Every structure is written in C-alpha cells, then in structure tokens.
Amino acid sequence: MTPVQYYPFGFVAGCIWADDSTWKVQFLDLSKASEGIVSRDECFGYLELPKGVSLQQAVDMADYGHPAGEEWAHQIAIASRRRFDLRDGRLIDPLA
C-alpha cells in the first residue's frame, strides 16, 4: 500500500486580531486548491494551542482514515489550551 501523499485539507495556527497572546487553530479546505480556491474555517471554535506546542505537535491524525468505512475514521485529536475557574470548575469562554 502506498503511503498517503496529501490530504484535501490542512490546518493553520496564528493570532487573531486584538488577541495576539496565543495561537488559534483553524481548518483549511484544500479540496479545490488546483482551481486556486483555498478556504479557511473556524469549525473548531476559538481553539488555543498550548504554549510551547507547535501546530505539528498539536494535531494527531494517527487514526484518521483507518479503516475508511468506520465513523471514527474521520476523527482527529488536537491538543488545546482551556481556562477554568477553580472556584467551581466552570470553563471560561475566551470570547466573553
């Protein structure tokens, strides 16, 4: 079996306007790149990378596509940074 040469998608991380303290992850649709069309999507929401972790280190696609017929074969894991209030364990919404 030939190893995968490319996927029709990718990921990008960078700062968002007015919030350059952390890098956020976004999805890239590369399925129409040969036509000059590349689109970016915030489908993961406001997903911060942990400090000191590169995008390559954060995205785990070890199970992606194997086996192709299984629903979970379309899942990936992304390491992320989340904030919580220690008084009650509440997740802090970074956009609030």
N, C-alpha and C. Protein backbone atom coordinates (compact mmCIF):
# COMPACT_ATOMS: atom_id res chain seq x y z
N MET A 1 0.84 -1.18 0.00
CA MET A 1 0.00 0.00 0.00
C MET A 1 0.89 1.25 0.00
N THR A 2 0.55 2.21 -0.84
CA THR A 2 1.31 3.44 -0.95
C THR A 2 0.94 4.38 0.19
N PRO A 3 1.94 5.01 0.83
CA PRO A 3 1.61 5.96 1.89
C PRO A 3 0.88 7.18 1.32
N VAL A 4 0.07 7.82 2.15
CA VAL A 4 -0.69 9.00 1.74
C VAL A 4 0.30 10.12 1.39
N GLN A 5 0.11 10.72 0.23
CA GLN A 5 0.97 11.82 -0.21
C GLN A 5 0.42 13.18 0.24
N TYR A 6 -0.90 13.29 0.31
CA TYR A 6 -1.51 14.55 0.74
C TYR A 6 -2.96 14.30 1.15
N TYR A 7 -3.53 15.25 1.87
CA TYR A 7 -4.95 15.24 2.23
C TYR A 7 -5.58 16.48 1.61
N PRO A 8 -6.89 16.47 1.36
CA PRO A 8 -7.54 17.64 0.78
C PRO A 8 -7.88 18.69 1.84
N PHE A 9 -7.14 18.69 2.91
CA PHE A 9 -7.36 19.66 3.99
C PHE A 9 -6.04 19.89 4.71
N GLY A 10 -6.04 20.91 5.54
CA GLY A 10 -4.86 21.22 6.34
C GLY A 10 -5.29 22.03 7.55
N PHE A 11 -4.31 22.50 8.28
CA PHE A 11 -4.57 23.28 9.49
C PHE A 11 -3.62 24.47 9.50
N VAL A 12 -4.06 25.54 10.11
CA VAL A 12 -3.23 26.73 10.25
C VAL A 12 -3.42 27.25 11.67
N ALA A 13 -2.37 27.85 12.21
CA ALA A 13 -2.46 28.45 13.54
C ALA A 13 -1.82 29.83 13.50
N GLY A 14 -2.44 30.74 14.20
CA GLY A 14 -1.91 32.09 14.27
C GLY A 14 -2.74 32.92 15.22
N CYS A 15 -2.36 34.18 15.36
CA CYS A 15 -3.10 35.04 16.28
C CYS A 15 -4.30 35.64 15.57
N ILE A 16 -5.28 36.00 16.35
CA ILE A 16 -6.49 36.64 15.85
C ILE A 16 -6.43 38.11 16.23
N TRP A 17 -6.93 38.96 15.36
CA TRP A 17 -6.91 40.40 15.58
C TRP A 17 -7.32 40.76 17.01
N ALA A 18 -6.54 41.57 17.66
CA ALA A 18 -6.77 42.06 19.03
C ALA A 18 -6.51 41.01 20.09
N ASP A 19 -6.02 39.84 19.70
CA ASP A 19 -5.66 38.81 20.69
C ASP A 19 -4.42 38.08 20.19
N ASP A 20 -3.26 38.68 20.41
CA ASP A 20 -2.03 38.07 19.93
C ASP A 20 -1.28 37.34 21.05
N SER A 21 -1.98 37.02 22.13
CA SER A 21 -1.33 36.34 23.26
C SER A 21 -1.19 34.84 23.05
N THR A 22 -2.04 34.25 22.21
CA THR A 22 -1.98 32.81 21.95
C THR A 22 -2.31 32.56 20.48
N TRP A 23 -1.92 31.38 20.01
CA TRP A 23 -2.25 30.98 18.65
C TRP A 23 -3.52 30.16 18.64
N LYS A 24 -4.37 30.40 17.64
CA LYS A 24 -5.63 29.67 17.50
C LYS A 24 -5.55 28.80 16.25
N VAL A 25 -6.25 27.65 16.28
CA VAL A 25 -6.21 26.68 15.19
C VAL A 25 -7.43 26.85 14.30
N GLN A 26 -7.21 26.81 13.00
CA GLN A 26 -8.31 26.84 12.04
C GLN A 26 -8.09 25.75 10.99
N PHE A 27 -9.18 25.34 10.36
CA PHE A 27 -9.20 24.29 9.35
C PHE A 27 -9.05 24.91 7.97
N LEU A 28 -8.27 24.29 7.10
CA LEU A 28 -8.13 24.73 5.72
C LEU A 28 -8.73 23.69 4.79
N ASP A 29 -9.64 24.10 3.92
CA ASP A 29 -10.20 23.22 2.91
C ASP A 29 -9.36 23.39 1.65
N LEU A 30 -8.61 22.36 1.29
CA LEU A 30 -7.72 22.41 0.14
C LEU A 30 -8.27 21.60 -1.04
N SER A 31 -9.52 21.17 -0.94
CA SER A 31 -10.09 20.29 -1.96
C SER A 31 -10.17 20.94 -3.34
N LYS A 32 -10.17 22.27 -3.41
CA LYS A 32 -10.23 22.98 -4.70
C LYS A 32 -8.97 23.81 -4.94
N ALA A 33 -7.88 23.44 -4.29
CA ALA A 33 -6.63 24.20 -4.43
C ALA A 33 -6.14 24.23 -5.87
N SER A 34 -6.36 23.17 -6.63
CA SER A 34 -5.92 23.15 -8.02
C SER A 34 -6.66 24.19 -8.87
N GLU A 35 -7.81 24.67 -8.37
CA GLU A 35 -8.58 25.72 -9.04
C GLU A 35 -8.26 27.10 -8.46
N GLY A 36 -7.30 27.15 -7.53
CA GLY A 36 -6.93 28.41 -6.90
C GLY A 36 -7.84 28.80 -5.76
N ILE A 37 -8.62 27.85 -5.25
CA ILE A 37 -9.56 28.15 -4.17
C ILE A 37 -9.12 27.42 -2.90
N VAL A 38 -8.81 28.19 -1.87
CA VAL A 38 -8.48 27.66 -0.55
C VAL A 38 -9.36 28.40 0.44
N SER A 39 -10.06 27.67 1.28
CA SER A 39 -10.92 28.34 2.26
C SER A 39 -10.53 27.94 3.68
N ARG A 40 -10.75 28.86 4.58
CA ARG A 40 -10.41 28.68 6.00
C ARG A 40 -11.70 28.65 6.80
N ASP A 41 -11.75 27.81 7.83
CA ASP A 41 -12.97 27.65 8.61
C ASP A 41 -12.62 27.59 10.09
N GLU A 42 -13.42 28.26 10.91
CA GLU A 42 -13.25 28.23 12.37
C GLU A 42 -14.13 27.14 12.97
N CYS A 43 -14.20 25.97 12.33
CA CYS A 43 -15.09 24.91 12.78
C CYS A 43 -14.74 24.38 14.18
N PHE A 44 -13.55 24.62 14.65
CA PHE A 44 -13.16 24.18 16.00
C PHE A 44 -13.47 25.24 17.04
N GLY A 45 -14.03 26.35 16.62
CA GLY A 45 -14.29 27.45 17.54
C GLY A 45 -12.99 28.18 17.85
N TYR A 46 -12.93 28.77 19.01
CA TYR A 46 -11.77 29.55 19.45
C TYR A 46 -10.82 28.59 20.16
N LEU A 47 -10.06 27.83 19.39
CA LEU A 47 -9.22 26.75 19.91
C LEU A 47 -7.78 27.22 20.05
N GLU A 48 -7.33 27.41 21.29
CA GLU A 48 -5.97 27.89 21.54
C GLU A 48 -4.99 26.73 21.61
N LEU A 49 -3.82 26.90 20.97
CA LEU A 49 -2.74 25.92 21.13
C LEU A 49 -2.09 26.12 22.50
N PRO A 50 -1.65 25.04 23.13
CA PRO A 50 -0.91 25.21 24.39
C PRO A 50 0.40 25.95 24.12
N LYS A 51 0.85 26.72 25.07
CA LYS A 51 2.11 27.45 24.92
C LYS A 51 3.25 26.46 24.73
N GLY A 52 4.13 26.76 23.79
CA GLY A 52 5.30 25.93 23.54
C GLY A 52 5.02 24.70 22.69
N VAL A 53 3.80 24.55 22.19
CA VAL A 53 3.43 23.40 21.36
C VAL A 53 3.19 23.89 19.94
N SER A 54 3.89 23.28 18.98
CA SER A 54 3.71 23.67 17.58
C SER A 54 2.42 23.06 17.03
N LEU A 55 1.96 23.58 15.92
CA LEU A 55 0.78 23.04 15.27
C LEU A 55 1.01 21.58 14.90
N GLN A 56 2.19 21.27 14.39
CA GLN A 56 2.52 19.89 14.02
C GLN A 56 2.45 18.96 15.23
N GLN A 57 2.92 19.42 16.37
CA GLN A 57 2.85 18.61 17.59
C GLN A 57 1.43 18.47 18.10
N ALA A 58 0.60 19.49 17.90
CA ALA A 58 -0.75 19.52 18.47
C ALA A 58 -1.75 18.65 17.71
N VAL A 59 -1.57 18.49 16.41
CA VAL A 59 -2.54 17.75 15.60
C VAL A 59 -2.12 16.29 15.50
N ASP A 60 -2.99 15.40 15.97
CA ASP A 60 -2.74 13.96 15.94
C ASP A 60 -3.74 13.32 14.99
N MET A 61 -3.23 12.82 13.88
CA MET A 61 -4.08 12.17 12.88
C MET A 61 -3.77 10.68 12.79
N ALA A 62 -3.27 10.10 13.86
CA ALA A 62 -2.83 8.71 13.84
C ALA A 62 -3.92 7.74 13.39
N ASP A 63 -5.16 7.97 13.78
CA ASP A 63 -6.24 7.05 13.43
C ASP A 63 -7.06 7.52 12.24
N TYR A 64 -6.76 8.69 11.69
CA TYR A 64 -7.57 9.25 10.61
C TYR A 64 -7.55 8.32 9.39
N GLY A 65 -8.73 7.97 8.92
CA GLY A 65 -8.86 7.19 7.70
C GLY A 65 -8.69 5.70 7.82
N HIS A 66 -8.49 5.20 9.03
CA HIS A 66 -8.25 3.75 9.21
C HIS A 66 -9.24 3.16 10.20
N PRO A 67 -10.03 2.20 9.87
CA PRO A 67 -10.39 1.84 8.49
C PRO A 67 -11.39 2.84 7.93
N ALA A 68 -11.35 3.03 6.64
CA ALA A 68 -12.11 4.10 5.98
C ALA A 68 -13.61 4.02 6.21
N GLY A 69 -14.16 2.83 6.36
CA GLY A 69 -15.61 2.68 6.50
C GLY A 69 -16.15 2.99 7.88
N GLU A 70 -15.31 3.17 8.86
CA GLU A 70 -15.75 3.43 10.24
C GLU A 70 -16.00 4.92 10.48
N GLU A 71 -17.04 5.23 11.24
CA GLU A 71 -17.37 6.63 11.54
C GLU A 71 -16.21 7.34 12.26
N TRP A 72 -15.55 6.65 13.18
CA TRP A 72 -14.47 7.29 13.93
C TRP A 72 -13.22 7.52 13.09
N ALA A 73 -13.19 6.98 11.87
CA ALA A 73 -12.04 7.18 10.99
C ALA A 73 -11.95 8.63 10.48
N HIS A 74 -12.97 9.44 10.78
CA HIS A 74 -12.97 10.85 10.37
C HIS A 74 -12.62 11.76 11.55
N GLN A 75 -12.07 11.19 12.60
CA GLN A 75 -11.76 11.97 13.79
C GLN A 75 -10.26 12.19 13.93
N ILE A 76 -9.90 13.34 14.47
CA ILE A 76 -8.52 13.67 14.79
C ILE A 76 -8.50 14.18 16.23
N ALA A 77 -7.32 14.33 16.78
CA ALA A 77 -7.18 14.92 18.11
C ALA A 77 -6.31 16.16 17.99
N ILE A 78 -6.70 17.23 18.67
CA ILE A 78 -5.92 18.46 18.67
C ILE A 78 -5.69 18.87 20.12
N ALA A 79 -4.43 18.97 20.52
CA ALA A 79 -4.10 19.46 21.86
C ALA A 79 -4.52 20.92 21.94
N SER A 80 -5.14 21.30 23.03
CA SER A 80 -5.59 22.68 23.14
C SER A 80 -5.43 23.18 24.57
N ARG A 81 -5.55 24.47 24.70
CA ARG A 81 -5.44 25.14 26.00
C ARG A 81 -6.82 25.66 26.37
N ARG A 82 -7.26 25.34 27.58
CA ARG A 82 -8.57 25.80 28.06
C ARG A 82 -8.40 26.40 29.45
N ARG A 83 -9.23 27.37 29.77
CA ARG A 83 -9.17 28.04 31.07
C ARG A 83 -10.39 27.65 31.91
N PHE A 84 -10.16 27.46 33.19
CA PHE A 84 -11.24 27.09 34.12
C PHE A 84 -11.20 27.97 35.35
N ASP A 85 -12.36 28.21 35.93
CA ASP A 85 -12.45 28.91 37.21
C ASP A 85 -12.29 27.85 38.30
N LEU A 86 -11.27 27.96 39.12
CA LEU A 86 -11.01 26.96 40.15
C LEU A 86 -12.05 26.94 41.26
N ARG A 87 -12.84 27.99 41.38
CA ARG A 87 -13.86 28.00 42.44
C ARG A 87 -14.98 27.02 42.16
N ASP A 88 -15.33 26.84 40.86
CA ASP A 88 -16.45 25.96 40.56
C ASP A 88 -16.19 25.02 39.36
N GLY A 89 -14.99 25.07 38.79
CA GLY A 89 -14.65 24.20 37.68
C GLY A 89 -15.23 24.64 36.36
N ARG A 90 -15.88 25.80 36.33
CA ARG A 90 -16.52 26.31 35.13
C ARG A 90 -15.49 26.64 34.06
N LEU A 91 -15.77 26.21 32.81
CA LEU A 91 -14.94 26.56 31.67
C LEU A 91 -15.14 28.04 31.38
N ILE A 92 -14.05 28.77 31.21
CA ILE A 92 -14.11 30.19 30.91
C ILE A 92 -14.14 30.37 29.42
N ASP A 93 -15.16 31.01 28.92
CA ASP A 93 -15.30 31.28 27.49
C ASP A 93 -14.34 32.40 27.13
N PRO A 94 -13.37 32.14 26.24
CA PRO A 94 -12.37 33.17 25.92
C PRO A 94 -12.94 34.36 25.19
N LEU A 95 -14.13 34.22 24.63
CA LEU A 95 -14.73 35.36 23.90
C LEU A 95 -15.63 36.20 24.79
N ALA A 96 -15.85 35.78 26.02
CA ALA A 96 -16.75 36.52 26.91
C ALA A 96 -16.07 37.73 27.49
